[in-house]
Amino acid sequence: MVHYKGFDESCDASALLGIIINIDKFPANVQSAAEYVRSNIRNRWAHCNFTEWNSGMYNKSLQEVEDFINLLHLNAPEKSQTIGELNKWKTNGTSYLKDTTLGLELVNDIRQQIQLLVEYEKVICKSADAEFSTVHNELTEIGKTLSQYDNRISSLENIVAVQGKALKEHGSSYDSDVEEIKLWKQESEYFIKTDIVSDILGILEYKYCVLLTGVSGIGKTLTVQNIALQLCHEHRYIIVPCMSLQDITKRYKGNVCQVFVVDDICGKYTANINIIEN
């Protein structure tokens, strides 16, 4: 068989025996032995009738297979390995057929291995179900979060659209307001609403002015901007960003609901005397 190097596991015993039978380069006695092994041993074992296979027939068949192997003139290592595998089957199979202790041990070992596989399969199934459930729950939560952000973004887009429409309707010449409010909208995505927002909105229900003070960096500007965005969205107020108090009088319209936002009214980092006096 040295000329046939391309065989893999898909080429079974029946196919190999058929090759020997049908290739003329094999001697006639080898082909005849191959035909006998395939017809009377391999095929009968593949379609086994256990009432026929006793220990005598089993040993006789293995001896005939060994005789066939000897006819193939394999090299010493291959022959030794093949005969060794054959003898192992002869010992274990004979013990099993005679119902000896060794045969029972083989059966018990097979049964234990099958049981281990069954238990392992159960563990794998449970683990897979638990992991699937965890992933499903996590994806559901992510979906809810994304939905909340989507609603918030849609709401903010509506605010900007309303603001832009209102500015056009009332003849505002401050196109920069729209761009600035867009920036507020983008920054508001990171805004976390606190109790101070509700407090300020409550004050604005009966007051016209709120002064928000505090140390630098605590989020005063972002808080005021988000309050203005909320007033615009919920009550259709027009947002008017102001650089100074003078902008309020310049841009005030009596027939329009407006919210004026003045940042750093007395100076950015320290009090500016000039701004205060003016």
Protein backbone atom coordinates (compact mmCIF):
# COMPACT_ATOMS: atom_id res chain seq x y z
CA MET A 1 0.00 0.00 0.00
CA VAL A 2 3.06 2.32 -0.15
CA HIS A 3 1.73 3.94 -3.33
CA TYR A 4 -1.49 5.10 -1.65
CA LYS A 5 -0.67 8.05 0.63
CA GLY A 6 -3.83 10.12 0.17
CA PHE A 7 -6.27 8.02 2.21
CA ASP A 8 -8.00 9.57 5.19
CA GLU A 9 -10.61 8.47 7.74
CA SER A 10 -13.36 8.59 5.13
CA CYS A 11 -11.79 5.57 3.42
CA ASP A 12 -13.07 2.73 5.64
CA ALA A 13 -12.08 -0.95 5.85
CA SER A 14 -14.54 -2.05 3.19
CA ALA A 15 -13.16 0.48 0.71
CA LEU A 16 -9.54 -0.51 1.41
CA LEU A 17 -10.33 -4.21 0.99
CA GLY A 18 -12.14 -3.39 -2.26
CA ILE A 19 -9.07 -1.57 -3.56
CA ILE A 20 -6.90 -4.63 -2.87
CA ILE A 21 -9.42 -6.91 -4.54
CA ASN A 22 -9.65 -4.81 -7.71
CA ILE A 23 -6.01 -3.83 -8.28
CA ASP A 24 -4.11 -6.46 -10.24
CA LYS A 25 -0.73 -5.53 -8.75
CA PHE A 26 -1.68 -7.39 -5.56
CA PRO A 27 -0.91 -11.14 -5.62
CA ALA A 28 -3.83 -13.50 -6.18
CA ASN A 29 -3.58 -15.01 -2.68
CA VAL A 30 -3.75 -11.52 -1.12
CA GLN A 31 -6.77 -10.59 -3.24
CA SER A 32 -8.49 -13.86 -2.33
CA ALA A 33 -7.83 -13.30 1.39
CA ALA A 34 -9.08 -9.71 1.10
CA GLU A 35 -12.30 -10.90 -0.55
CA TYR A 36 -12.82 -13.48 2.23
CA VAL A 37 -12.19 -10.94 5.03
CA ARG A 38 -14.56 -8.38 3.50
CA SER A 39 -17.39 -10.81 2.72
CA ASN A 40 -17.24 -13.20 5.69
CA ILE A 41 -15.87 -11.01 8.48
CA ARG A 42 -16.11 -7.28 7.85
CA ASN A 43 -19.58 -7.24 6.26
CA ARG A 44 -21.03 -9.77 8.71
CA TRP A 45 -19.67 -7.75 11.64
CA ALA A 46 -20.98 -4.49 10.17
CA HIS A 47 -24.47 -6.04 9.96
CA CYS A 48 -24.06 -8.07 13.10
CA ASN A 49 -26.38 -10.88 14.21
CA PHE A 50 -25.30 -11.37 17.83
CA THR A 51 -26.82 -14.85 17.97
CA GLU A 52 -24.08 -15.99 15.55
CA TRP A 53 -21.13 -14.22 17.19
CA ASN A 54 -19.88 -16.38 20.03
CA SER A 55 -16.32 -16.43 21.40
CA GLY A 56 -15.28 -19.22 18.99
CA MET A 57 -16.42 -17.35 15.88
CA TYR A 58 -14.95 -14.11 17.25
CA ASN A 59 -11.46 -15.63 17.78
CA LYS A 60 -11.56 -17.51 14.46
CA SER A 61 -12.38 -14.28 12.61
CA LEU A 62 -9.58 -12.35 14.31
CA GLN A 63 -7.11 -15.13 13.48
CA GLU A 64 -8.13 -14.97 9.82
CA VAL A 65 -7.64 -11.19 9.87
CA GLU A 66 -4.17 -11.73 11.36
CA ASP A 67 -3.36 -14.25 8.61
CA PHE A 68 -4.43 -11.68 6.03
CA ILE A 69 -2.18 -9.04 7.64
CA ASN A 70 0.77 -11.41 7.41
CA LEU A 71 0.16 -11.80 3.65
CA LEU A 72 0.50 -8.02 3.16
CA HIS A 73 4.22 -8.08 4.02
CA LEU A 74 4.10 -4.87 6.07
CA ASN A 75 7.32 -3.55 7.58
CA ALA A 76 8.11 -4.75 11.08
CA PRO A 77 6.88 -1.67 13.06
CA GLU A 78 3.57 -1.43 11.15
CA LYS A 79 2.96 -5.16 11.44
CA SER A 80 3.76 -5.17 15.16
CA GLN A 81 1.46 -2.22 15.85
CA THR A 82 -1.42 -3.69 13.81
CA ILE A 83 -1.13 -7.16 15.38
CA GLY A 84 -0.92 -5.51 18.83
CA GLU A 85 -4.22 -3.67 18.25
CA LEU A 86 -5.75 -6.90 17.00
CA ASN A 87 -4.65 -8.80 20.12
CA LYS A 88 -6.12 -6.12 22.37
CA TRP A 89 -9.49 -6.52 20.65
CA LYS A 90 -9.10 -10.31 20.92
CA THR A 91 -8.51 -10.17 24.70
CA ASN A 92 -11.21 -7.63 25.54
CA GLY A 93 -13.78 -9.00 23.12
CA THR A 94 -13.33 -12.60 24.26
CA SER A 95 -13.66 -11.60 27.90
CA TYR A 96 -16.83 -9.66 27.11
CA LEU A 97 -18.40 -12.52 25.17
CA LYS A 98 -17.61 -14.96 28.00
CA ASP A 99 -19.29 -12.59 30.49
CA THR A 100 -16.16 -12.57 32.68
CA THR A 101 -15.27 -9.98 35.30
CA LEU A 102 -13.17 -8.14 32.73
CA GLY A 103 -16.10 -8.06 30.35
CA LEU A 104 -18.36 -6.66 33.04
CA GLU A 105 -15.73 -4.07 33.93
CA LEU A 106 -15.63 -2.96 30.30
CA VAL A 107 -19.39 -2.62 30.21
CA ASN A 108 -19.41 -0.71 33.50
CA ASP A 109 -16.64 1.57 32.28
CA ILE A 110 -18.57 2.31 29.10
CA ARG A 111 -21.72 2.93 31.12
CA GLN A 112 -19.86 5.32 33.47
CA GLN A 113 -18.34 7.23 30.57
CA ILE A 114 -21.76 7.59 28.94
CA GLN A 115 -23.24 8.81 32.22
CA LEU A 116 -20.45 11.36 32.55
CA LEU A 117 -21.22 12.59 29.05
CA VAL A 118 -24.91 12.88 29.93
CA GLU A 119 -24.14 14.87 33.08
CA TYR A 120 -21.70 17.08 31.21
CA GLU A 121 -24.32 17.74 28.55
CA LYS A 122 -26.79 18.81 31.25
CA VAL A 123 -24.24 21.19 32.78
CA ILE A 124 -23.40 22.69 29.39
CA CYS A 125 -27.09 23.19 28.59
CA LYS A 126 -27.79 24.88 31.94
CA SER A 127 -24.71 27.06 31.60
CA ALA A 128 -25.64 28.03 28.05
CA ASP A 129 -29.20 28.87 29.14
CA ALA A 130 -27.93 31.00 32.04
CA GLU A 131 -25.43 32.82 29.83
CA PHE A 132 -28.07 33.38 27.17
CA SER A 133 -30.43 34.78 29.79
CA THR A 134 -27.73 37.12 31.10
CA VAL A 135 -26.83 38.36 27.63
CA HIS A 136 -30.50 38.78 26.76
CA ASN A 137 -31.13 40.86 29.90
CA GLU A 138 -28.06 43.01 29.29
CA LEU A 139 -29.08 43.65 25.69
CA THR A 140 -32.60 44.51 26.84
CA GLU A 141 -31.22 47.08 29.30
CA ILE A 142 -28.93 48.53 26.64
CA GLY A 143 -31.93 48.78 24.32
CA LYS A 144 -33.92 50.65 26.97
CA THR A 145 -31.02 53.05 27.60
CA LEU A 146 -30.59 53.71 23.88
CA SER A 147 -34.32 54.29 23.58
CA GLN A 148 -34.17 56.86 26.39
CA TYR A 149 -31.27 58.65 24.71
CA ASP A 150 -33.11 58.54 21.39
CA ASN A 151 -36.18 60.14 22.97
CA ARG A 152 -34.04 62.76 24.65
CA ILE A 153 -32.20 63.58 21.42
CA SER A 154 -35.50 63.80 19.54
CA SER A 155 -36.82 66.12 22.21
CA LEU A 156 -33.78 68.36 21.98
CA GLU A 157 -33.99 68.41 18.19
CA ASN A 158 -37.59 69.58 18.53
CA ILE A 159 -36.43 72.32 20.89
CA VAL A 160 -33.93 73.60 18.35
CA ALA A 161 -36.53 73.40 15.57
CA VAL A 162 -39.09 75.33 17.65
CA GLN A 163 -36.48 77.91 18.60
CA GLY A 164 -35.43 78.40 14.99
CA LYS A 165 -39.04 78.70 13.83
CA ALA A 166 -39.86 81.20 16.56
CA LEU A 167 -36.86 83.33 15.73
CA LYS A 168 -37.91 83.48 12.08
CA GLU A 169 -41.55 84.24 12.94
CA HIS A 170 -40.59 87.14 15.19
CA GLY A 171 -37.99 88.60 12.91
CA SER A 172 -34.94 87.87 15.00
CA SER A 173 -31.69 88.89 13.33
CA TYR A 174 -29.59 86.84 15.69
CA ASP A 175 -28.68 83.79 13.62
CA SER A 176 -25.90 83.02 16.07
CA ASP A 177 -28.55 82.11 18.66
CA VAL A 178 -29.49 78.99 16.70
CA GLU A 179 -25.88 77.77 16.52
CA GLU A 180 -25.30 78.48 20.18
CA ILE A 181 -28.46 76.62 21.20
CA LYS A 182 -27.32 73.66 19.06
CA LEU A 183 -24.14 73.59 21.13
CA TRP A 184 -26.25 73.65 24.31
CA LYS A 185 -28.19 70.69 22.97
CA GLN A 186 -25.01 68.69 22.30
CA GLU A 187 -23.61 69.44 25.75
CA SER A 188 -26.92 68.57 27.42
CA GLU A 189 -26.45 64.91 26.46
CA TYR A 190 -24.04 64.65 29.40
CA PHE A 191 -26.22 66.64 31.80
CA ILE A 192 -27.51 64.87 34.91
CA LYS A 193 -30.68 66.44 36.26
CA THR A 194 -30.57 67.27 39.98
CA ASP A 195 -33.05 68.71 42.49
CA ILE A 196 -31.83 72.25 41.78
CA VAL A 197 -33.47 72.11 38.34
CA SER A 198 -36.90 71.40 39.86
CA ASP A 199 -36.32 74.11 42.47
CA ILE A 200 -35.50 76.75 39.85
CA LEU A 201 -38.44 75.79 37.65
CA GLY A 202 -40.67 76.06 40.71
CA ILE A 203 -39.37 79.58 41.43
CA LEU A 204 -39.94 80.67 37.83
CA GLU A 205 -43.62 79.84 38.16
CA TYR A 206 -44.10 82.97 40.26
CA LYS A 207 -40.83 84.92 39.79
CA TYR A 208 -39.41 86.49 36.66
CA CYS A 209 -35.75 86.24 37.59
CA VAL A 210 -33.42 83.70 39.17
CA LEU A 211 -29.77 84.32 40.08
CA LEU A 212 -27.68 81.13 40.23
CA THR A 213 -24.38 81.48 42.12
CA GLY A 214 -21.61 79.14 43.22
CA VAL A 215 -17.93 78.33 42.91
CA SER A 216 -16.39 77.83 39.50
CA GLY A 217 -16.81 74.42 37.83
CA ILE A 218 -19.90 73.08 39.63
CA GLY A 219 -22.13 73.18 36.51
CA LYS A 220 -24.02 76.46 36.84
CA THR A 221 -23.90 77.25 33.11
CA LEU A 222 -24.96 73.76 32.02
CA THR A 223 -27.81 73.80 34.55
CA VAL A 224 -29.14 77.15 33.33
CA GLN A 225 -28.87 76.09 29.69
CA ASN A 226 -30.86 72.91 30.32
CA ILE A 227 -33.54 74.81 32.22
CA ALA A 228 -33.88 77.15 29.24
CA LEU A 229 -34.11 74.17 26.86
CA GLN A 230 -36.83 72.62 29.02
CA LEU A 231 -38.85 75.84 29.08
CA CYS A 232 -38.54 76.05 25.31
CA HIS A 233 -39.67 72.47 24.79
CA GLU A 234 -42.48 72.32 27.33
CA HIS A 235 -43.82 75.89 27.23
CA ARG A 236 -42.63 77.17 23.82
CA TYR A 237 -40.39 79.88 25.27
CA ILE A 238 -37.90 81.50 22.91
CA ILE A 239 -34.35 81.23 24.26
CA VAL A 240 -32.36 84.44 24.11
CA PRO A 241 -28.66 84.02 25.00
CA CYS A 242 -27.35 87.35 26.31
CA MET A 243 -23.85 88.74 26.65
CA SER A 244 -24.94 91.42 29.13
CA LEU A 245 -28.02 92.80 30.89
CA GLN A 246 -28.34 95.41 28.15
CA ASP A 247 -29.23 92.66 25.67
CA ILE A 248 -32.44 92.02 27.62
CA THR A 249 -33.84 95.47 26.91
CA LYS A 250 -32.65 95.37 23.32
CA ARG A 251 -34.20 92.02 22.49
CA TYR A 252 -37.32 92.02 24.63
CA LYS A 253 -40.61 91.49 22.76
CA GLY A 254 -43.85 92.12 24.64
CA ASN A 255 -46.00 89.63 22.73
CA VAL A 256 -43.61 86.66 22.94
CA CYS A 257 -42.65 84.29 25.76
CA GLN A 258 -38.91 84.64 26.16
CA VAL A 259 -36.29 83.25 28.52
CA PHE A 260 -33.14 85.38 28.77
CA VAL A 261 -29.93 83.61 29.78
CA VAL A 262 -27.09 85.80 31.00
CA ASP A 263 -23.92 83.92 31.90
CA ASP A 264 -21.16 85.40 34.10
CA ILE A 265 -23.30 88.45 34.80
CA CYS A 266 -20.69 90.06 37.07
CA GLY A 267 -17.52 88.59 35.56
CA LYS A 268 -16.24 85.15 34.70
CA TYR A 269 -13.68 84.26 37.39
CA THR A 270 -13.78 87.36 39.62
CA ALA A 271 -16.17 90.29 40.00
CA ASN A 272 -15.65 92.88 37.28
CA ILE A 273 -16.27 96.35 38.70
CA ASN A 274 -16.89 97.92 35.29
CA ILE A 275 -19.59 95.37 34.47
CA ILE A 276 -21.24 95.85 37.86
CA GLU A 277 -21.24 99.67 37.57
CA ASN A 278 -22.66 99.56 34.05
